[in-house]
Amino acid sequence: QVHLVESGGGSVQAGGSLSLSCAASEGTFTTYIMGWFRQVPGKERQFVAGISRSGANTEYADSVKGRFIISRDNAKNTVYLQMTSLIHEDTATYYCAADEILNPFGRIIPDAVAASYDYWGPGTQVTVSS
């Protein structure tokens, strides 16, 4: 069972940048598709970006395409989310999530559905002031 902890959240002005990290411990990191989600109070958790086990495939929500980049370093058991050109609507708690794929020939493409992810970090707050 993997344990996830996010870091790097904070407050930034609109147009600025932030980088989030998610460190994984326990488990075998390369068996997990990794994703970033975000949530604001009163709304459902929203997919932001996902990355395949090898890092070769990525998926993004339309709202962040061209502004956010997801990456992973399997040697460091860490997934990253680089966020640029931030807007007020990016304000949310950001969660790192892991989708366990035990079959080495299993699904490659990250799923945008939160229910597909097995493990979650506690979240980190990102606040963008306009």
Protein backbone atom coordinates (compact mmCIF):
# COMPACT_ATOMS: atom_id res chain seq x y z
CA GLN A 1 0.00 0.00 0.00
CA VAL A 2 1.46 3.34 -1.08
CA HIS A 3 1.52 6.39 1.16
CA LEU A 4 1.33 9.77 -0.59
CA VAL A 5 2.26 13.21 0.70
CA GLU A 6 1.90 16.41 -1.31
CA SER A 7 3.98 19.54 -0.89
CA GLY A 8 4.52 22.87 -2.62
CA GLY A 9 1.15 24.50 -2.22
CA GLY A 10 0.77 28.12 -1.25
CA SER A 11 -0.52 31.52 -2.31
CA VAL A 12 0.37 33.23 -5.56
CA GLN A 13 -0.93 36.10 -7.63
CA ALA A 14 -2.71 35.50 -10.89
CA GLY A 15 -0.23 34.91 -13.68
CA GLY A 16 2.26 33.34 -11.34
CA SER A 17 3.57 29.80 -11.04
CA LEU A 18 3.72 27.04 -8.46
CA SER A 19 5.18 23.57 -8.46
CA LEU A 20 3.65 20.73 -6.50
CA SER A 21 5.36 17.51 -5.53
CA CYS A 22 3.96 14.23 -4.31
CA ALA A 23 6.29 11.79 -2.62
CA ALA A 24 5.30 8.15 -2.46
CA SER A 25 6.50 5.72 0.15
CA GLU A 26 5.82 2.01 0.53
CA GLY A 27 4.64 -0.02 -2.43
CA THR A 28 6.24 -0.18 -5.86
CA PHE A 29 5.93 3.23 -7.44
CA THR A 30 6.12 1.97 -11.01
CA THR A 31 2.93 -0.05 -10.57
CA TYR A 32 0.91 3.13 -10.15
CA ILE A 33 -0.59 5.46 -12.68
CA MET A 34 -0.41 8.81 -10.90
CA GLY A 35 -2.89 11.64 -11.02
CA TRP A 36 -3.52 15.10 -9.69
CA PHE A 37 -7.02 16.19 -8.74
CA ARG A 38 -8.36 19.33 -7.15
CA GLN A 39 -11.40 20.21 -5.13
CA VAL A 40 -13.11 23.31 -3.85
CA PRO A 41 -15.64 23.22 -1.01
CA GLY A 42 -19.06 22.12 -2.13
CA LYS A 43 -17.89 20.72 -5.45
CA GLU A 44 -16.77 17.32 -6.68
CA ARG A 45 -13.13 16.39 -6.95
CA GLN A 46 -11.94 17.36 -10.42
CA PHE A 47 -9.30 15.66 -12.55
CA VAL A 48 -6.33 17.88 -13.37
CA ALA A 49 -3.67 15.65 -14.90
CA GLY A 50 -2.49 12.06 -15.03
CA ILE A 51 0.68 10.25 -16.02
CA SER A 52 1.32 6.65 -16.97
CA ARG A 53 3.59 4.32 -15.03
CA SER A 54 6.54 4.95 -17.34
CA GLY A 55 5.86 8.64 -17.70
CA ALA A 56 5.48 8.37 -21.45
CA ASN A 57 1.75 9.16 -21.51
CA THR A 58 0.00 12.12 -19.96
CA GLU A 59 -3.55 13.39 -19.85
CA TYR A 60 -4.83 16.84 -18.90
CA ALA A 61 -8.12 18.49 -18.16
CA ASP A 62 -9.01 20.98 -20.86
CA SER A 63 -8.94 23.78 -18.30
CA VAL A 64 -5.23 23.31 -17.61
CA LYS A 65 -3.84 22.24 -20.99
CA GLY A 66 -0.93 24.40 -22.03
CA ARG A 67 -0.50 25.76 -18.49
CA PHE A 68 0.21 22.70 -16.31
CA ILE A 69 2.75 19.93 -16.78
CA ILE A 70 2.73 16.62 -14.96
CA SER A 71 5.90 14.58 -14.69
CA ARG A 72 7.34 11.82 -12.56
CA ASP A 73 10.72 10.62 -11.40
CA ASN A 74 10.46 6.90 -10.75
CA ALA A 75 13.91 6.81 -9.18
CA LYS A 76 12.70 9.30 -6.55
CA ASN A 77 9.17 7.90 -6.22
CA THR A 78 7.84 11.37 -6.88
CA VAL A 79 5.28 12.95 -9.19
CA TYR A 80 5.23 16.65 -9.96
CA LEU A 81 2.76 19.22 -11.18
CA GLN A 82 4.20 22.41 -12.64
CA MET A 83 1.56 25.10 -12.78
CA THR A 84 2.02 28.30 -14.77
CA SER A 85 -0.21 31.20 -15.81
CA LEU A 86 -2.31 30.55 -12.75
CA ILE A 87 -5.79 32.03 -12.59
CA HIS A 88 -8.17 32.55 -9.69
CA GLU A 89 -10.20 29.53 -10.81
CA ASP A 90 -7.19 27.30 -10.09
CA THR A 91 -7.69 27.94 -6.39
CA ALA A 92 -8.40 24.59 -4.72
CA THR A 93 -7.01 21.85 -2.58
CA TYR A 94 -4.82 19.71 -4.81
CA TYR A 95 -4.62 15.97 -4.25
CA CYS A 96 -2.16 13.41 -5.50
CA ALA A 97 -3.62 9.99 -6.29
CA ALA A 98 -2.33 6.57 -7.25
CA ASP A 99 -4.10 4.05 -9.48
CA GLU A 100 -2.60 0.61 -8.91
CA ILE A 101 -2.04 -1.44 -12.07
CA LEU A 102 -0.64 -4.81 -11.06
CA ASN A 103 -0.76 -6.34 -14.53
CA PRO A 104 2.39 -5.17 -16.37
CA PHE A 105 0.35 -5.28 -19.58
CA GLY A 106 -2.57 -3.45 -18.02
CA ARG A 107 -4.04 -0.03 -18.72
CA ILE A 108 -1.55 2.63 -19.72
CA ILE A 109 -3.61 5.77 -20.18
CA PRO A 110 -4.46 7.64 -16.96
CA ASP A 111 -8.13 7.69 -16.05
CA ALA A 112 -9.85 11.00 -15.32
CA VAL A 113 -12.31 9.39 -12.92
CA ALA A 114 -11.50 9.81 -9.25
CA ALA A 115 -13.06 6.45 -8.38
CA SER A 116 -10.37 4.70 -10.43
CA TYR A 117 -7.67 5.80 -8.00
CA ASP A 118 -6.91 3.62 -5.01
CA TYR A 119 -4.79 5.85 -2.81
CA TRP A 120 -4.85 9.55 -2.01
CA GLY A 121 -2.67 12.09 -0.29
CA PRO A 122 -4.04 14.51 2.32
CA GLY A 123 -3.96 17.44 -0.13
CA THR A 124 -2.22 20.79 -0.37
CA GLN A 125 -3.89 24.17 -0.71
CA VAL A 126 -3.28 26.40 -3.71
CA THR A 127 -4.67 29.93 -3.57
CA VAL A 128 -4.49 32.26 -6.55
CA SER A 129 -5.38 35.87 -5.90
CA SER A 130 -6.68 37.97 -8.74
